[in-house]
C-alpha atoms as a PDB file:
ATOM      1  CA  MET A   1     -14.721 -14.146   4.504  1.00  0.00           C
ATOM      2  CA  THR A   2     -13.937 -13.838   0.827  1.00  0.00           C
ATOM      3  CA  LEU A   3     -11.614 -11.202  -0.641  1.00  0.00           C
ATOM      4  CA  TYR A   4     -11.859 -10.428  -4.342  1.00  0.00           C
ATOM      5  CA  VAL A   5      -8.695  -8.834  -5.754  1.00  0.00           C
ATOM      6  CA  LYS A   6      -7.024  -7.736  -8.986  1.00  0.00           C
ATOM      7  CA  PRO A   7      -5.271 -10.653 -10.717  1.00  0.00           C
ATOM      8  CA  ALA A   8      -1.813 -10.762 -12.251  1.00  0.00           C
ATOM      9  CA  GLU A   9      -1.153 -11.039 -15.983  1.00  0.00           C
ATOM     10  CA  ASP A  10      -2.198 -14.698 -16.038  1.00  0.00           C
ATOM     11  CA  GLY A  11      -5.662 -13.776 -14.767  1.00  0.00           C
ATOM     12  CA  LYS A  12      -5.442 -16.273 -11.927  1.00  0.00           C
ATOM     13  CA  SER A  13      -2.657 -15.369  -9.468  1.00  0.00           C
ATOM     14  CA  VAL A  14      -2.569 -12.340  -7.166  1.00  0.00           C
ATOM     15  CA  GLY A  15      -1.994  -8.985  -8.825  1.00  0.00           C
ATOM     16  CA  ASP A  16      -0.056  -5.938  -7.712  1.00  0.00           C
ATOM     17  CA  CYS A  17      -2.867  -3.797  -6.262  1.00  0.00           C
ATOM     18  CA  PRO A  18      -1.494  -2.001  -3.160  1.00  0.00           C
ATOM     19  CA  PHE A  19      -5.011  -1.460  -1.815  1.00  0.00           C
ATOM     20  CA  ALA A  20      -5.783  -5.175  -1.861  1.00  0.00           C
ATOM     21  CA  HIS A  21      -2.417  -5.854  -0.231  1.00  0.00           C
ATOM     22  CA  PHE A  22      -3.280  -3.312   2.470  1.00  0.00           C
ATOM     23  CA  VAL A  23      -6.421  -5.293   3.307  1.00  0.00           C
ATOM     24  CA  ARG A  24      -4.516  -8.571   3.290  1.00  0.00           C
ATOM     25  CA  MET A  25      -1.986  -7.178   5.771  1.00  0.00           C
ATOM     26  CA  VAL A  26      -4.806  -6.209   8.135  1.00  0.00           C
ATOM     27  CA  LEU A  27      -6.306  -9.688   7.815  1.00  0.00           C
ATOM     28  CA  ALA A  28      -2.881 -11.215   8.523  1.00  0.00           C
ATOM     29  CA  GLU A  29      -2.306  -9.003  11.570  1.00  0.00           C
ATOM     30  CA  LYS A  30      -5.694 -10.090  12.921  1.00  0.00           C
ATOM     31  CA  GLY A  31      -5.011 -13.762  12.172  1.00  0.00           C
ATOM     32  CA  LEU A  32      -8.247 -14.022  10.189  1.00  0.00           C
ATOM     33  CA  GLU A  33      -8.882 -16.785   7.676  1.00  0.00           C
ATOM     34  CA  TYR A  34     -10.384 -15.896   4.310  1.00  0.00           C
ATOM     35  CA  GLU A  35     -10.712 -17.121   0.755  1.00  0.00           C
ATOM     36  CA  LEU A  36      -8.669 -15.134  -1.753  1.00  0.00           C
ATOM     37  CA  VAL A  37     -10.229 -14.811  -5.221  1.00  0.00           C
ATOM     38  CA  PRO A  38      -8.288 -12.984  -7.962  1.00  0.00           C
ATOM     39  CA  SER A  39     -10.976 -11.930 -10.429  1.00  0.00           C
ATOM     40  CA  THR A  40     -10.928 -10.642 -13.990  1.00  0.00           C
ATOM     41  CA  GLN A  41     -13.849  -8.731 -15.458  1.00  0.00           C
ATOM     42  CA  ASP A  42     -15.088 -12.042 -16.863  1.00  0.00           C
ATOM     43  CA  THR A  43     -14.782 -14.009 -13.610  1.00  0.00           C
ATOM     44  CA  LYS A  44     -16.159 -11.461 -11.137  1.00  0.00           C
ATOM     45  CA  PRO A  45     -19.425 -12.527  -9.479  1.00  0.00           C
ATOM     46  CA  GLN A  46     -22.437 -10.940 -11.126  1.00  0.00           C
ATOM     47  CA  TRP A  47     -23.595  -9.458  -7.799  1.00  0.00           C
ATOM     48  CA  LEU A  48     -20.246  -7.665  -7.447  1.00  0.00           C
ATOM     49  CA  ILE A  49     -20.675  -6.083 -10.863  1.00  0.00           C
ATOM     50  CA  GLU A  50     -24.360  -5.210 -10.437  1.00  0.00           C
ATOM     51  CA  ASP A  51     -24.349  -4.022  -6.823  1.00  0.00           C
ATOM     52  CA  TYR A  52     -20.836  -2.605  -6.414  1.00  0.00           C
ATOM     53  CA  GLY A  53     -19.736  -1.668  -9.925  1.00  0.00           C
ATOM     54  CA  GLY A  54     -17.231  -4.516  -9.938  1.00  0.00           C
ATOM     55  CA  LYS A  55     -14.904  -2.571  -7.645  1.00  0.00           C
ATOM     56  CA  MET A  56     -12.046  -4.370  -5.922  1.00  0.00           C
ATOM     57  CA  PRO A  57     -10.692  -5.126  -3.436  1.00  0.00           C
ATOM     58  CA  ALA A  58     -14.056  -6.355  -2.222  1.00  0.00           C
ATOM     59  CA  LEU A  59     -14.447  -8.122   1.110  1.00  0.00           C
ATOM     60  CA  ARG A  60     -17.553 -10.207   1.637  1.00  0.00           C
ATOM     61  CA  HIS A  61     -18.277 -11.252   5.222  1.00  0.00           C
ATOM     62  CA  ARG A  62     -21.528 -13.078   5.823  1.00  0.00           C
ATOM     63  CA  LYS A  63     -24.099 -10.928   3.986  1.00  0.00           C
ATOM     64  CA  GLU A  64     -22.087  -7.713   4.020  1.00  0.00           C
ATOM     65  CA  CYS A  65     -19.699  -6.529   1.314  1.00  0.00           C
ATOM     66  CA  TYR A  66     -17.283  -3.583   1.354  1.00  0.00           C
ATOM     67  CA  VAL A  67     -15.294  -2.305  -1.613  1.00  0.00           C
ATOM     68  CA  ASP A  68     -13.129   0.536  -0.278  1.00  0.00           C
ATOM     69  CA  SER A  69      -9.826  -0.586   1.267  1.00  0.00           C
ATOM     70  CA  GLU A  70      -9.926   2.019   4.036  1.00  0.00           C
ATOM     71  CA  VAL A  71     -13.525   1.111   4.894  1.00  0.00           C
ATOM     72  CA  ILE A  72     -12.624  -2.588   4.898  1.00  0.00           C
ATOM     73  CA  ALA A  73      -9.669  -1.956   7.200  1.00  0.00           C
ATOM     74  CA  GLN A  74     -11.771   0.072   9.631  1.00  0.00           C
ATOM     75  CA  TYR A  75     -14.478  -2.602   9.571  1.00  0.00           C
ATOM     76  CA  LEU A  76     -11.984  -5.336  10.420  1.00  0.00           C
ATOM     77  CA  ASP A  77     -10.368  -3.290  13.175  1.00  0.00           C
ATOM     78  CA  PHE A  78     -13.736  -2.494  14.735  1.00  0.00           C
ATOM     79  CA  PHE A  79     -15.172  -6.005  14.764  1.00  0.00           C
ATOM     80  CA  PHE A  80     -11.940  -7.921  15.394  1.00  0.00           C
ATOM     81  CA  LYS A  81     -10.213  -6.107  18.225  1.00  0.00           C
ATOM     82  CA  GLU A  82      -6.992  -8.071  18.572  1.00  0.00           C
ATOM     83  CA  PRO A  83      -4.528  -6.667  17.948  1.00  0.00           C
ATOM     84  CA  GLU A  84      -5.709  -3.059  18.056  1.00  0.00           C
ATOM     85  CA  LEU A  85      -4.477  -1.290  14.905  1.00  0.00           C
ATOM     86  CA  SER A  86      -5.898   2.181  15.497  1.00  0.00           C
ATOM     87  CA  GLY A  87      -3.708   4.710  17.277  1.00  0.00           C
ATOM     88  CA  SER A  88      -4.973   7.772  19.121  1.00  0.00           C
ATOM     89  CA  SER A  89      -6.746  10.198  16.818  1.00  0.00           C
ATOM     90  CA  ALA A  90      -4.304  13.075  17.398  1.00  0.00           C
ATOM     91  CA  ASP A  91      -1.227  10.930  16.754  1.00  0.00           C
ATOM     92  CA  THR A  92      -2.822   9.287  13.741  1.00  0.00           C
ATOM     93  CA  THR A  93      -3.721  12.680  12.267  1.00  0.00           C
ATOM     94  CA  LYS A  94      -0.103  13.871  12.489  1.00  0.00           C
ATOM     95  CA  ALA A  95       1.208  10.692  10.897  1.00  0.00           C
ATOM     96  CA  THR A  96      -1.416  10.812   8.157  1.00  0.00           C
ATOM     97  CA  GLU A  97      -0.429  14.376   7.342  1.00  0.00           C
ATOM     98  CA  ALA A  98       3.206  13.274   7.035  1.00  0.00           C
ATOM     99  CA  VAL A  99       2.341  10.829   4.249  1.00  0.00           C
ATOM    100  CA  ASP A 100      -0.448  12.858   2.658  1.00  0.00           C
ATOM    101  CA  GLY A 101      -0.057  13.035  -1.098  1.00  0.00           C
ATOM    102  CA  PHE A 102       2.755  10.482  -1.262  1.00  0.00           C
ATOM    103  CA  PHE A 103       0.957   7.850  -3.314  1.00  0.00           C
ATOM    104  CA  PRO A 104      -0.507  10.224  -5.937  1.00  0.00           C
ATOM    105  CA  ALA A 105       2.946  11.812  -6.376  1.00  0.00           C
ATOM    106  CA  MET A 106       4.585   8.401  -6.701  1.00  0.00           C
ATOM    107  CA  ALA A 107       1.959   7.165  -9.148  1.00  0.00           C
ATOM    108  CA  LYS A 108       2.256  10.221 -11.392  1.00  0.00           C
ATOM    109  CA  PHE A 109       6.036   9.882 -11.551  1.00  0.00           C
ATOM    110  CA  VAL A 110       6.035   6.152 -12.241  1.00  0.00           C
ATOM    111  CA  LYS A 111       3.311   6.381 -14.879  1.00  0.00           C
ATOM    112  CA  HIS A 112       5.013   9.196 -16.782  1.00  0.00           C
ATOM    113  CA  ASN A 113       6.798   8.266 -19.963  1.00  0.00           C
ATOM    114  CA  PRO A 114       9.420   8.945 -21.288  1.00  0.00           C
ATOM    115  CA  ASN A 115      11.901   9.105 -18.441  1.00  0.00           C
ATOM    116  CA  GLY A 116      14.040  12.202 -18.056  1.00  0.00           C
ATOM    117  CA  ASP A 117      12.026  14.835 -19.914  1.00  0.00           C
ATOM    118  CA  ASP A 118      11.050  18.115 -18.270  1.00  0.00           C
ATOM    119  CA  GLU A 119       7.667  16.877 -17.108  1.00  0.00           C
ATOM    120  CA  ASP A 120       9.291  13.742 -15.680  1.00  0.00           C
ATOM    121  CA  LYS A 121      11.724  15.887 -13.691  1.00  0.00           C
ATOM    122  CA  GLU A 122       8.834  17.932 -12.310  1.00  0.00           C
ATOM    123  CA  LYS A 123       7.022  14.784 -11.206  1.00  0.00           C
ATOM    124  CA  GLN A 124      10.219  13.420  -9.664  1.00  0.00           C
ATOM    125  CA  ALA A 125      10.652  16.649  -7.718  1.00  0.00           C
ATOM    126  CA  ALA A 126       7.073  16.383  -6.445  1.00  0.00           C
ATOM    127  CA  LEU A 127       7.709  12.845  -5.205  1.00  0.00           C
ATOM    128  CA  GLU A 128      10.985  13.861  -3.585  1.00  0.00           C
ATOM    129  CA  GLU A 129       9.146  16.632  -1.761  1.00  0.00           C
ATOM    130  CA  LYS A 130       6.849  14.001  -0.245  1.00  0.00           C
ATOM    131  CA  LEU A 131       9.793  11.754   0.630  1.00  0.00           C
ATOM    132  CA  SER A 132      11.519  14.713   2.303  1.00  0.00           C
ATOM    133  CA  ALA A 133       8.427  15.393   4.402  1.00  0.00           C
ATOM    134  CA  LEU A 134       8.323  11.749   5.510  1.00  0.00           C
ATOM    135  CA  GLU A 135      12.065  11.771   6.222  1.00  0.00           C
ATOM    136  CA  THR A 136      11.632  14.848   8.443  1.00  0.00           C
ATOM    137  CA  PHE A 137       8.706  13.250  10.275  1.00  0.00           C
ATOM    138  CA  LEU A 138      10.672  10.059  10.916  1.00  0.00           C
ATOM    139  CA  SER A 139      13.641  12.052  12.217  1.00  0.00           C
ATOM    140  CA  THR A 140      11.941  13.645  15.250  1.00  0.00           C
ATOM    141  CA  ASP A 141      13.639  13.090  18.613  1.00  0.00           C
ATOM    142  CA  THR A 142      10.463  11.838  20.300  1.00  0.00           C
ATOM    143  CA  ARG A 143      10.406   8.651  18.210  1.00  0.00           C
ATOM    144  CA  SER A 144      11.370   5.399  19.940  1.00  0.00           C
ATOM    145  CA  GLY A 145       9.902   2.847  17.514  1.00  0.00           C
ATOM    146  CA  PRO A 146      10.043   2.138  13.780  1.00  0.00           C
ATOM    147  CA  TYR A 147       6.441   2.857  12.814  1.00  0.00           C
ATOM    148  CA  LEU A 148       4.489   6.009  11.945  1.00  0.00           C
ATOM    149  CA  VAL A 149       1.925   6.806  14.607  1.00  0.00           C
ATOM    150  CA  GLY A 150       2.863   8.462  17.909  1.00  0.00           C
ATOM    151  CA  ASN A 151       6.322   7.472  19.129  1.00  0.00           C
ATOM    152  CA  GLY A 152       6.470   4.715  16.529  1.00  0.00           C
ATOM    153  CA  GLU A 153       6.043   1.821  18.934  1.00  0.00           C
ATOM    154  CA  GLN A 154       2.576   0.765  17.713  1.00  0.00           C
ATOM    155  CA  PHE A 155       2.054  -0.821  14.309  1.00  0.00           C
ATOM    156  CA  THR A 156      -1.190   0.589  12.887  1.00  0.00           C
ATOM    157  CA  LEU A 157      -3.507   0.588   9.891  1.00  0.00           C
ATOM    158  CA  LEU A 158      -1.484   3.441   8.441  1.00  0.00           C
ATOM    159  CA  ASP A 159       1.612   1.228   8.297  1.00  0.00           C
ATOM    160  CA  CYS A 160      -0.470  -1.500   6.631  1.00  0.00           C
ATOM    161  CA  SER A 161      -1.545   1.056   4.050  1.00  0.00           C
ATOM    162  CA  MET A 162       1.940   2.417   3.404  1.00  0.00           C
ATOM    163  CA  ALA A 163       3.853  -0.869   3.116  1.00  0.00           C
ATOM    164  CA  PRO A 164       2.466  -2.005  -0.283  1.00  0.00           C
ATOM    165  CA  LYS A 165       2.766   1.513  -1.703  1.00  0.00           C
ATOM    166  CA  LEU A 166       6.408   1.764  -0.656  1.00  0.00           C
ATOM    167  CA  TYR A 167       7.049  -1.705  -2.070  1.00  0.00           C
ATOM    168  CA  ALA A 168       5.610  -0.578  -5.400  1.00  0.00           C
ATOM    169  CA  MET A 169       7.802   2.534  -5.308  1.00  0.00           C
ATOM    170  CA  ASP A 170      10.877   0.478  -4.439  1.00  0.00           C
ATOM    171  CA  VAL A 171      10.375  -1.827  -7.419  1.00  0.00           C
ATOM    172  CA  CYS A 172       9.343   0.866  -9.870  1.00  0.00           C
ATOM    173  CA  LEU A 173      12.191   3.259  -9.080  1.00  0.00           C
ATOM    174  CA  LYS A 174      14.686   0.519  -9.905  1.00  0.00           C
ATOM    175  CA  GLN A 175      13.012  -1.206 -12.829  1.00  0.00           C
ATOM    176  CA  ILE A 176      10.940   1.499 -14.528  1.00  0.00           C
ATOM    177  CA  LYS A 177      12.476   4.843 -13.522  1.00  0.00           C
ATOM    178  CA  GLU A 178      16.136   3.815 -13.955  1.00  0.00           C
ATOM    179  CA  SER A 179      17.024   4.404 -10.268  1.00  0.00           C
ATOM    180  CA  ALA A 180      16.268   8.123 -10.589  1.00  0.00           C
ATOM    181  CA  ILE A 181      15.950   8.455  -6.795  1.00  0.00           C
ATOM    182  CA  ASP A 182      18.452   6.900  -4.381  1.00  0.00           C
ATOM    183  CA  VAL A 183      16.239   6.409  -1.342  1.00  0.00           C
ATOM    184  CA  HIS A 184      18.984   4.715   0.688  1.00  0.00           C
ATOM    185  CA  SER A 185      21.392   7.652   0.370  1.00  0.00           C
ATOM    186  CA  ASN A 186      18.987  10.583   0.266  1.00  0.00           C
ATOM    187  CA  TYR A 187      16.247   9.398   2.614  1.00  0.00           C
ATOM    188  CA  PRO A 188      17.858   6.949   5.077  1.00  0.00           C
ATOM    189  CA  LYS A 189      15.023   7.140   7.632  1.00  0.00           C
ATOM    190  CA  VAL A 190      12.480   6.341   4.936  1.00  0.00           C
ATOM    191  CA  ARG A 191      14.642   3.434   3.746  1.00  0.00           C
ATOM    192  CA  LYS A 192      14.865   2.089   7.306  1.00  0.00           C
ATOM    193  CA  TYR A 193      11.084   2.425   7.674  1.00  0.00           C
ATOM    194  CA  MET A 194      10.597   0.516   4.424  1.00  0.00           C
ATOM    195  CA  ASP A 195      12.928  -2.262   5.526  1.00  0.00           C
ATOM    196  CA  ASP A 196      11.134  -2.601   8.870  1.00  0.00           C
ATOM    197  CA  LEU A 197       7.775  -2.839   7.103  1.00  0.00           C
ATOM    198  CA  PHE A 198       9.024  -5.389   4.591  1.00  0.00           C
ATOM    199  CA  GLU A 199      10.318  -7.600   7.421  1.00  0.00           C
ATOM    200  CA  ARG A 200       6.937  -7.581   9.142  1.00  0.00           C
ATOM    201  CA  PRO A 201       5.383 -11.093   8.929  1.00  0.00           C
ATOM    202  CA  SER A 202       2.049  -9.669   7.766  1.00  0.00           C
ATOM    203  CA  PHE A 203       3.836  -8.131   4.769  1.00  0.00           C
ATOM    204  CA  ALA A 204       6.177 -11.013   4.001  1.00  0.00           C
ATOM    205  CA  SER A 205       3.342 -13.552   4.079  1.00  0.00           C
ATOM    206  CA  THR A 206       1.107 -11.575   1.708  1.00  0.00           C
ATOM    207  CA  VAL A 207       3.533 -10.233  -0.904  1.00  0.00           C
ATOM    208  CA  GLU A 208       2.766 -13.089  -3.265  1.00  0.00           C
ATOM    209  CA  TYR A 209       3.310 -10.917  -6.318  1.00  0.00           C
ATOM    210  CA  GLY A 210       6.938 -10.354  -7.292  1.00  0.00           C
ATOM    211  CA  PRO A 211       8.674  -7.384  -8.907  1.00  0.00           C
ATOM    212  CA  GLU A 212       7.811  -8.667 -12.385  1.00  0.00           C
ATOM    213  CA  THR A 213       4.091  -8.385 -11.570  1.00  0.00           C
ATOM    214  CA  VAL A 214       4.567  -4.887 -10.155  1.00  0.00           C
ATOM    215  CA  VAL A 215       6.385  -3.813 -13.323  1.00  0.00           C
ATOM    216  CA  TRP A 216       3.676  -5.399 -15.493  1.00  0.00           C
ATOM    217  CA  GLY A 217       0.960  -3.592 -13.566  1.00  0.00           C
ATOM    218  CA  TRP A 218       2.562  -0.159 -13.650  1.00  0.00           C
ATOM    219  CA  LYS A 219       3.876  -0.347 -17.216  1.00  0.00           C
ATOM    220  CA  SER A 220       0.330  -1.004 -18.381  1.00  0.00           C
ATOM    221  CA  TYR A 221      -0.244   2.743 -17.828  1.00  0.00           C
ATOM    222  CA  HIS A 222       2.495   3.690 -20.336  1.00  0.00           C
END
């Protein structure tokens, strides 16, 4: 397997793309070996540009190639069964609804400049609405584990998807948005969920890009 991903500022090391990190977490959970290839527009394979529009992350396995992170994750979970990362459809639907719209709201807030104007406050409120919904979901009495789907006991693809996005939020709130939202005080269940995800070996072993790379990536939108 070969995984082509967004590079960092140096053009060679791993960049801050949360979708690529999502795929890498799935690969780590499955214990699968792969070659990691950060690629600039100039270093992407010609076939990737011609056949897939140069989109990344791109996973090539044998003769097949997939360029959508969700499709890649589903592909890996289908063909490599251990461990199973798909929860029951009903439970997964509820959990997915609880995080629906989080990443777009976070991205809009982080990308907005300058901080503190009226539009910024509106975007902050939209993100806090999503964080409140997740806090409520994580506060239900039926939960016995730290993760999203069902009673929270099973770690799933949805957790793999959320971890890099929450990491990006964590860094950006502190270093770009001047700590406008205190997640620890205002959303303690969300903070605990984040901490549990960040301690997961599949996250810790794949977060090769530090806060400085996250800030570089997100400030490029300003």
